[in-house]
Amino acid sequence: MKKSSKTFKVSDLSTNVYGYRVNTPGINMDNFLANPVCLLNHNYDKIMGLWADVQKGNMDMTGVPQFDEEDDEAMKMYNKVEQGLLNGASIGIIPITIKDDEVLECELLEISITPVPANRNALVMYNAERKQLTVEEAKAYCLSINQSDNNPKQKMNPKTLNALVLLCASAGLQLQLSSDAKDEDFAAALNQVGEKFAAQNLTVNTLKTKLTEFENAQKQAETAELTALLDNAISNKLILAADRQAWEDLGKANLELCKRTLSAIKPVELKVVLTGNPSAQADAAGTEKWTYHDWAEKDPIGLAAMQKNDPEKFNHLVEGVKANLKAAGAIA
C-alpha cells in the first residue's frame, strides 16, 4: 500500500444533499474499521485501497487514504491526489436514528475518494439491506426513521415504512410522502402497489391461457395431419394396416421424421390375380434372403400369397421391418 501525504476531511456537520447533517460522534465505525476500504465514487467495483488514521472528533472525521500499488487505476488516483487534482472525500452510511434534520446515529459502511471538493454534496446513504439509495429513496428512508416529536406519523414502525418504500420501488412506483402524511397516505400507497401487482398477474395469466390454447391447437393440427398421412399411406399400400400403431408412435414422437420415412417408400400396385403358389416359385428363384421391401418391390404377388399361405414367414418379414425402424430410432 502507498500511503498518501494528504489527510482528508471525510465528514463534518454541514447539511448534505439529502437535507440532513450527520452528527459526527454518532458515527459507528466498528464494522468499518474491520475492513476500512477506500472506494472511488462509492463504487464497490472500484476499490482503490484502504483508509488509515481514521479519526473522529466532535465536529468532523478525517482519514488518510492508502492506495494499492499493484492496481494501475489506484496509482493513477494516488498521483491525482498528490497533485491536488482529487481532494474530495465522503462517507457512505446507514442512518439509524434521526431527529428533525439531524442523523444522530449511523453505521459507517465505506469512505470514498470523489471529484467533488466538498463532502457535504457527496455523502451517500444506504438502507438497512446495504442498498445504495437515490436522493428520493434516501429522503423517504430517512423520513421513515425520523423521531421528531412534532411529526405524529413518524410513530409508525421504521421497519414497516422501509418495507413499504422497497415494495413500492419493486412495483415501479415512487413513494411520495410529505412531512404531514397520515396513515391513509400509507394505505393509499399500499393500494397502488396492490393494484399494480394485480394488473401484472392478470396479464401473466392471460398470456399463460393463450399459450395453452395455442399448444393445444397445434397438437390437434399435428394429430389430424398424422391421421391423414397414415390413412393415405395404407390406402396407397406404402405400409400395412397392421403396422399403423408403430407408424403412429413414430409420428407422435417426430412427425417430420415420419413424413420423410414414408416419402422414401415406393408405392406398389397389385395388378395380377394370384393363381397357384407364386411364393414357392419365388423361393425356387433364390429369394430366401429377401426382406419385406424386396418382396414388395420385386414380387408383390408372391408377398400377398405369402401373407395368405405362409403367415409365419410373412410375420417374420414384418418384424424385420420393425426391428430396422427401432435400430434407426424411428420408433420406440
Protein backbone atom coordinates (compact mmCIF):
# COMPACT_ATOMS: atom_id res chain seq x y z
CA MET A 1 0.00 0.00 0.00
CA LYS A 2 1.21 3.50 -0.81
CA LYS A 3 0.10 5.99 1.81
CA SER A 4 -0.91 9.46 0.70
CA SER A 5 0.61 12.56 2.18
CA LYS A 6 -2.86 14.14 2.22
CA THR A 7 -5.32 13.99 5.10
CA PHE A 8 -8.97 14.14 4.01
CA LYS A 9 -11.92 15.55 5.91
CA VAL A 10 -14.46 12.85 5.15
CA SER A 11 -17.41 14.17 7.19
CA ASP A 12 -18.47 17.27 9.11
CA LEU A 13 -21.62 18.89 10.50
CA SER A 14 -22.62 20.61 7.25
CA THR A 15 -26.05 19.90 5.75
CA ASN A 16 -25.83 17.31 2.97
CA VAL A 17 -27.73 16.99 -0.30
CA TYR A 18 -30.46 14.96 1.45
CA GLY A 19 -31.27 17.87 3.76
CA TYR A 20 -29.70 16.28 6.83
CA ARG A 21 -26.50 16.80 8.77
CA VAL A 22 -24.60 13.90 10.30
CA ASN A 23 -23.71 14.00 14.00
CA THR A 24 -20.02 13.07 13.92
CA PRO A 25 -19.83 11.49 17.41
CA GLY A 26 -22.82 9.29 16.45
CA ILE A 27 -20.96 7.62 13.56
CA ASN A 28 -20.37 3.96 14.45
CA MET A 29 -17.08 2.81 12.89
CA ASP A 30 -16.76 -0.66 14.48
CA ASN A 31 -17.62 -2.72 11.37
CA PHE A 32 -15.87 -0.30 9.02
CA LEU A 33 -12.54 -0.49 10.85
CA ALA A 34 -12.54 -4.27 10.40
CA ASN A 35 -12.24 -3.62 6.64
CA PRO A 36 -11.66 0.12 6.01
CA VAL A 37 -12.00 0.06 2.22
CA CYS A 38 -11.26 3.11 0.13
CA LEU A 39 -13.62 3.28 -2.87
CA LEU A 40 -13.84 5.54 -5.88
CA ASN A 41 -17.19 7.36 -6.05
CA HIS A 42 -18.91 4.85 -3.74
CA ASN A 43 -18.45 2.06 -6.29
CA TYR A 44 -17.60 -1.31 -4.73
CA ASP A 45 -16.17 -2.38 -8.10
CA LYS A 46 -13.57 0.40 -7.73
CA ILE A 47 -11.60 -0.46 -4.58
CA MET A 48 -8.56 1.83 -4.53
CA GLY A 49 -7.09 0.64 -1.24
CA LEU A 50 -7.66 1.19 2.49
CA TRP A 51 -8.07 4.12 4.87
CA ALA A 52 -5.58 4.73 7.67
CA ASP A 53 -5.53 7.05 10.69
CA VAL A 54 -9.32 7.49 10.70
CA GLN A 55 -10.06 9.99 13.45
CA LYS A 56 -13.48 11.04 14.75
CA GLY A 57 -13.92 14.24 16.73
CA ASN A 58 -16.89 16.27 17.90
CA MET A 59 -17.08 18.30 14.69
CA ASP A 60 -15.61 16.23 11.88
CA MET A 61 -13.93 12.98 10.85
CA THR A 62 -10.65 12.63 8.94
CA GLY A 63 -8.60 9.89 7.35
CA VAL A 64 -5.59 9.19 5.13
CA PRO A 65 -6.01 7.01 2.02
CA GLN A 66 -3.58 4.21 1.20
CA PHE A 67 -3.52 3.11 -2.43
CA ASP A 68 -2.99 -0.40 -3.85
CA GLU A 69 0.38 -0.27 -5.60
CA GLU A 70 -0.48 -3.31 -7.75
CA ASP A 71 -3.57 -1.61 -9.22
CA ASP A 72 -2.84 0.76 -12.11
CA GLU A 73 -6.07 2.71 -11.67
CA ALA A 74 -5.41 3.07 -7.94
CA MET A 75 -1.98 4.50 -8.63
CA LYS A 76 -3.47 6.98 -11.10
CA MET A 77 -5.81 8.13 -8.32
CA TYR A 78 -2.84 8.35 -5.94
CA ASN A 79 -0.99 10.67 -8.35
CA LYS A 80 -4.07 12.86 -8.79
CA VAL A 81 -4.49 13.10 -5.02
CA GLU A 82 -0.85 14.05 -4.52
CA GLN A 83 -1.12 16.67 -7.28
CA GLY A 84 -4.20 18.15 -5.69
CA LEU A 85 -6.47 17.19 -8.58
CA LEU A 86 -8.58 14.93 -6.37
CA ASN A 87 -9.27 16.38 -2.94
CA GLY A 88 -12.82 15.33 -2.15
CA ALA A 89 -13.96 12.51 0.09
CA SER A 90 -17.27 11.40 1.51
CA ILE A 91 -18.80 8.69 3.66
CA GLY A 92 -21.43 6.06 2.91
CA ILE A 93 -23.71 5.44 5.90
CA ILE A 94 -26.83 3.59 7.06
CA PRO A 95 -28.93 6.04 9.14
CA ILE A 96 -30.08 4.51 12.44
CA THR A 97 -31.55 7.36 14.46
CA ILE A 98 -32.82 10.65 13.02
CA LYS A 99 -34.47 13.58 14.73
CA ASP A 100 -35.69 16.57 12.74
CA ASP A 101 -32.89 17.29 10.23
CA GLU A 102 -30.03 15.53 12.03
CA VAL A 103 -28.75 11.96 11.72
CA LEU A 104 -28.00 11.29 15.37
CA GLU A 105 -26.67 7.76 14.88
CA CYS A 106 -25.48 5.88 11.80
CA GLU A 107 -23.27 2.98 10.73
CA LEU A 108 -20.25 3.78 8.57
CA LEU A 109 -20.02 1.43 5.57
CA GLU A 110 -17.29 2.96 3.44
CA ILE A 111 -15.32 6.10 2.67
CA SER A 112 -14.78 7.16 -0.94
CA ILE A 113 -12.46 9.41 -2.86
CA THR A 114 -14.62 11.71 -5.01
CA PRO A 115 -14.02 14.51 -7.50
CA VAL A 116 -16.46 16.67 -5.52
CA PRO A 117 -14.45 19.21 -3.50
CA ALA A 118 -16.87 19.30 -0.54
CA ASN A 119 -18.09 16.20 1.24
CA ARG A 120 -21.48 17.75 2.04
CA ASN A 121 -22.57 17.20 -1.57
CA ALA A 122 -21.09 13.74 -1.95
CA LEU A 123 -22.42 11.83 1.04
CA VAL A 124 -24.23 8.60 0.11
CA MET A 125 -26.90 6.82 2.13
CA TYR A 126 -27.70 3.09 2.24
CA ASN A 127 -30.73 1.29 3.65
CA ALA A 128 -30.62 -1.50 6.24
CA GLU A 129 -30.05 -4.05 3.43
CA ARG A 130 -26.98 -2.03 2.34
CA LYS A 131 -28.58 -0.99 -0.93
CA GLN A 132 -27.35 2.40 -2.13
CA LEU A 133 -30.28 4.83 -2.26
CA THR A 134 -31.11 7.60 -4.69
CA VAL A 135 -31.83 11.04 -3.29
CA GLU A 136 -35.60 10.45 -3.34
CA GLU A 137 -35.28 6.97 -1.83
CA ALA A 138 -32.95 8.27 0.88
CA LYS A 139 -35.37 11.08 1.80
CA ALA A 140 -38.21 8.58 2.16
CA TYR A 141 -35.98 6.21 4.13
CA CYS A 142 -34.82 8.94 6.50
CA LEU A 143 -38.39 10.10 6.88
CA SER A 144 -39.34 6.57 7.99
CA ILE A 145 -36.94 6.64 10.94
CA ASN A 146 -37.25 10.31 11.88
CA GLN A 147 -38.05 10.60 15.59
CA SER A 148 -39.21 14.21 15.54
CA ASP A 149 -41.76 14.75 18.34
CA ASN A 150 -43.79 17.16 16.22
CA ASN A 151 -44.37 14.65 13.42
CA PRO A 152 -47.01 12.15 14.67
CA LYS A 153 -46.92 9.95 11.56
CA GLN A 154 -43.31 9.00 12.30
CA LYS A 155 -44.58 6.84 15.16
CA MET A 156 -45.02 4.15 12.53
CA ASN A 157 -42.60 1.25 12.87
CA PRO A 158 -39.46 2.25 10.87
CA LYS A 159 -39.05 -1.30 9.51
CA THR A 160 -42.65 -1.25 8.27
CA LEU A 161 -42.15 2.02 6.42
CA ASN A 162 -38.84 0.85 4.96
CA ALA A 163 -40.56 -2.29 3.69
CA LEU A 164 -43.24 -0.09 2.12
CA VAL A 165 -40.60 2.04 0.36
CA LEU A 166 -38.92 -1.09 -1.07
CA LEU A 167 -42.25 -2.64 -2.06
CA CYS A 168 -43.26 0.48 -3.97
CA ALA A 169 -39.88 0.53 -5.73
CA SER A 170 -40.24 -3.14 -6.77
CA ALA A 171 -43.66 -2.33 -8.25
CA GLY A 172 -42.21 0.57 -10.24
CA LEU A 173 -43.90 3.16 -8.04
CA GLN A 174 -42.21 6.11 -6.38
CA LEU A 175 -43.39 6.68 -2.80
CA GLN A 176 -44.39 10.31 -2.33
CA LEU A 177 -44.87 11.32 1.30
CA SER A 178 -44.81 14.83 2.69
CA SER A 179 -43.94 15.79 6.25
CA ASP A 180 -47.65 15.84 7.20
CA ALA A 181 -48.53 12.45 5.68
CA LYS A 182 -51.02 10.37 7.66
CA ASP A 183 -51.95 6.71 7.92
CA GLU A 184 -54.31 6.99 4.96
CA ASP A 185 -51.39 8.13 2.82
CA PHE A 186 -49.56 4.91 3.61
CA ALA A 187 -52.73 2.90 2.92
CA ALA A 188 -53.12 4.63 -0.44
CA ALA A 189 -49.53 3.74 -1.34
CA LEU A 190 -50.18 0.10 -0.45
CA ASN A 191 -53.35 0.12 -2.56
CA GLN A 192 -51.35 1.39 -5.55
CA VAL A 193 -48.86 -1.46 -5.12
CA GLY A 194 -51.69 -3.98 -4.87
CA GLU A 195 -53.40 -2.66 -7.99
CA LYS A 196 -50.11 -2.73 -9.92
CA PHE A 197 -49.33 -6.33 -8.96
CA ALA A 198 -52.94 -7.42 -9.62
CA ALA A 199 -52.76 -5.96 -13.14
CA GLN A 200 -49.44 -7.69 -13.75
CA ASN A 201 -50.82 -11.04 -12.53
CA LEU A 202 -53.85 -10.65 -14.82
CA THR A 203 -51.56 -10.06 -17.79
CA VAL A 204 -49.41 -13.10 -16.91
CA ASN A 205 -52.46 -15.37 -16.50
CA THR A 206 -53.92 -14.16 -19.82
CA LEU A 207 -50.65 -14.94 -21.61
CA LYS A 208 -50.49 -18.39 -19.99
CA THR A 209 -54.06 -19.15 -21.16
CA LYS A 210 -53.26 -18.06 -24.72
CA LEU A 211 -50.11 -20.16 -24.74
CA THR A 212 -52.03 -23.24 -23.57
CA GLU A 213 -54.69 -22.69 -26.23
CA PHE A 214 -52.03 -22.34 -28.93
CA GLU A 215 -50.23 -25.50 -27.81
CA ASN A 216 -53.50 -27.48 -27.77
CA ALA A 217 -54.45 -26.22 -31.23
CA GLN A 218 -51.00 -27.15 -32.53
CA LYS A 219 -51.29 -30.68 -31.09
CA GLN A 220 -54.74 -31.13 -32.64
CA ALA A 221 -53.45 -29.99 -36.04
CA GLU A 222 -50.49 -32.38 -35.84
CA THR A 223 -52.77 -35.28 -34.84
CA ALA A 224 -55.10 -34.57 -37.78
CA GLU A 225 -52.14 -34.35 -40.16
CA LEU A 226 -50.70 -37.65 -38.88
CA THR A 227 -54.08 -39.42 -39.21
CA ALA A 228 -54.47 -38.26 -42.82
CA LEU A 229 -50.87 -39.20 -43.59
CA LEU A 230 -51.26 -42.78 -42.32
CA ASP A 231 -54.66 -43.22 -43.97
CA ASN A 232 -53.09 -42.21 -47.28
CA ALA A 233 -50.05 -44.46 -46.76
CA ILE A 234 -52.24 -47.51 -46.08
CA SER A 235 -54.55 -46.66 -48.96
CA ASN A 236 -51.56 -46.44 -51.33
CA LYS A 237 -50.06 -49.67 -49.91
CA LEU A 238 -46.98 -47.91 -48.55
CA ILE A 239 -47.49 -49.57 -45.18
CA LEU A 240 -49.66 -52.33 -43.80
CA ALA A 241 -52.70 -51.57 -41.67
CA ALA A 242 -51.28 -53.96 -39.07
CA ASP A 243 -48.26 -51.65 -38.71
CA ARG A 244 -50.28 -48.48 -38.24
CA GLN A 245 -49.66 -48.24 -34.47
CA ALA A 246 -45.88 -48.35 -34.92
CA TRP A 247 -46.05 -45.58 -37.51
CA GLU A 248 -48.42 -43.59 -35.30
CA ASP A 249 -45.95 -43.82 -32.40
CA LEU A 250 -43.19 -42.58 -34.68
CA GLY A 251 -45.34 -39.69 -35.91
CA LYS A 252 -46.21 -38.59 -32.36
CA ALA A 253 -42.55 -38.65 -31.39
CA ASN A 254 -41.26 -36.96 -34.54
CA LEU A 255 -43.79 -36.03 -37.22
CA GLU A 256 -41.18 -34.74 -39.68
CA LEU A 257 -39.15 -37.97 -39.49
CA CYS A 258 -42.32 -40.00 -40.05
CA LYS A 259 -43.18 -37.92 -43.13
CA ARG A 260 -39.66 -38.25 -44.58
CA THR A 261 -39.60 -42.02 -43.99
CA LEU A 262 -42.96 -42.55 -45.68
CA SER A 263 -41.96 -40.38 -48.62
CA ALA A 264 -38.97 -42.67 -49.21
CA ILE A 265 -41.16 -45.76 -49.60
CA LYS A 266 -42.22 -46.56 -53.17
CA PRO A 267 -45.90 -47.42 -53.64
CA VAL A 268 -46.75 -50.90 -55.00
CA GLU A 269 -49.85 -51.59 -57.02
CA LEU A 270 -51.14 -55.18 -57.39
CA LYS A 271 -52.48 -55.70 -60.87
CA VAL A 272 -52.47 -59.53 -61.27
CA VAL A 273 -54.88 -62.03 -59.80
CA LEU A 274 -52.93 -64.70 -57.98
CA THR A 275 -53.22 -68.37 -59.02
CA GLY A 276 -51.28 -71.30 -57.73
CA ASN A 277 -48.48 -70.73 -55.25
CA PRO A 278 -46.11 -67.96 -56.53
CA SER A 279 -44.33 -67.95 -53.20
CA ALA A 280 -42.96 -71.41 -53.80
CA GLN A 281 -41.82 -70.38 -57.28
CA ALA A 282 -40.15 -67.30 -55.85
CA ASP A 283 -38.30 -69.37 -53.26
CA ALA A 284 -37.03 -71.55 -56.06
CA ALA A 285 -35.63 -68.42 -57.74
CA GLY A 286 -33.32 -67.74 -54.77
CA THR A 287 -35.44 -65.38 -52.65
CA GLU A 288 -34.56 -66.90 -49.30
CA LYS A 289 -32.73 -63.73 -48.17
CA TRP A 290 -35.28 -61.24 -49.47
CA THR A 291 -36.59 -58.66 -47.00
CA TYR A 292 -40.12 -57.38 -46.79
CA HIS A 293 -39.19 -54.43 -49.04
CA ASP A 294 -37.53 -56.78 -51.55
CA TRP A 295 -40.75 -58.77 -51.84
CA ALA A 296 -42.86 -55.59 -52.04
CA GLU A 297 -40.72 -54.23 -54.87
CA LYS A 298 -39.78 -57.36 -56.82
CA ASP A 299 -42.64 -59.79 -56.25
CA PRO A 300 -45.71 -58.16 -54.62
CA ILE A 301 -47.88 -61.04 -55.82
CA GLY A 302 -45.67 -63.51 -54.03
CA LEU A 303 -45.80 -61.33 -50.90
CA ALA A 304 -49.59 -61.33 -50.97
CA ALA A 305 -49.61 -65.09 -51.40
CA MET A 306 -47.16 -65.48 -48.53
CA GLN A 307 -49.46 -63.47 -46.23
CA LYS A 308 -52.27 -65.90 -47.08
CA ASN A 309 -50.44 -69.20 -47.37
CA ASP A 310 -47.41 -68.77 -45.10
CA PRO A 311 -48.38 -66.19 -42.39
CA GLU A 312 -45.48 -67.24 -40.17
CA LYS A 313 -42.90 -66.23 -42.75
CA PHE A 314 -44.86 -63.11 -43.63
CA ASN A 315 -44.95 -62.01 -39.95
CA HIS A 316 -41.22 -62.71 -39.68
CA LEU A 317 -40.58 -60.26 -42.54
CA VAL A 318 -42.81 -57.62 -40.87
CA GLU A 319 -40.92 -58.00 -37.60
CA GLY A 320 -37.70 -57.39 -39.55
CA VAL A 321 -39.09 -54.06 -40.76
CA LYS A 322 -39.97 -53.07 -37.19
CA ALA A 323 -36.54 -54.08 -35.92
CA ASN A 324 -34.84 -51.91 -38.57
CA LEU A 325 -37.04 -48.95 -37.65
CA LYS A 326 -36.20 -49.37 -33.97
CA ALA A 327 -32.48 -49.65 -34.70
CA ALA A 328 -32.70 -46.42 -36.70
CA GLY A 329 -34.51 -44.75 -33.83
CA ALA A 330 -37.60 -44.19 -35.94
CA ILE A 331 -39.90 -45.94 -33.45
CA ALA A 332 -39.66 -46.82 -29.77
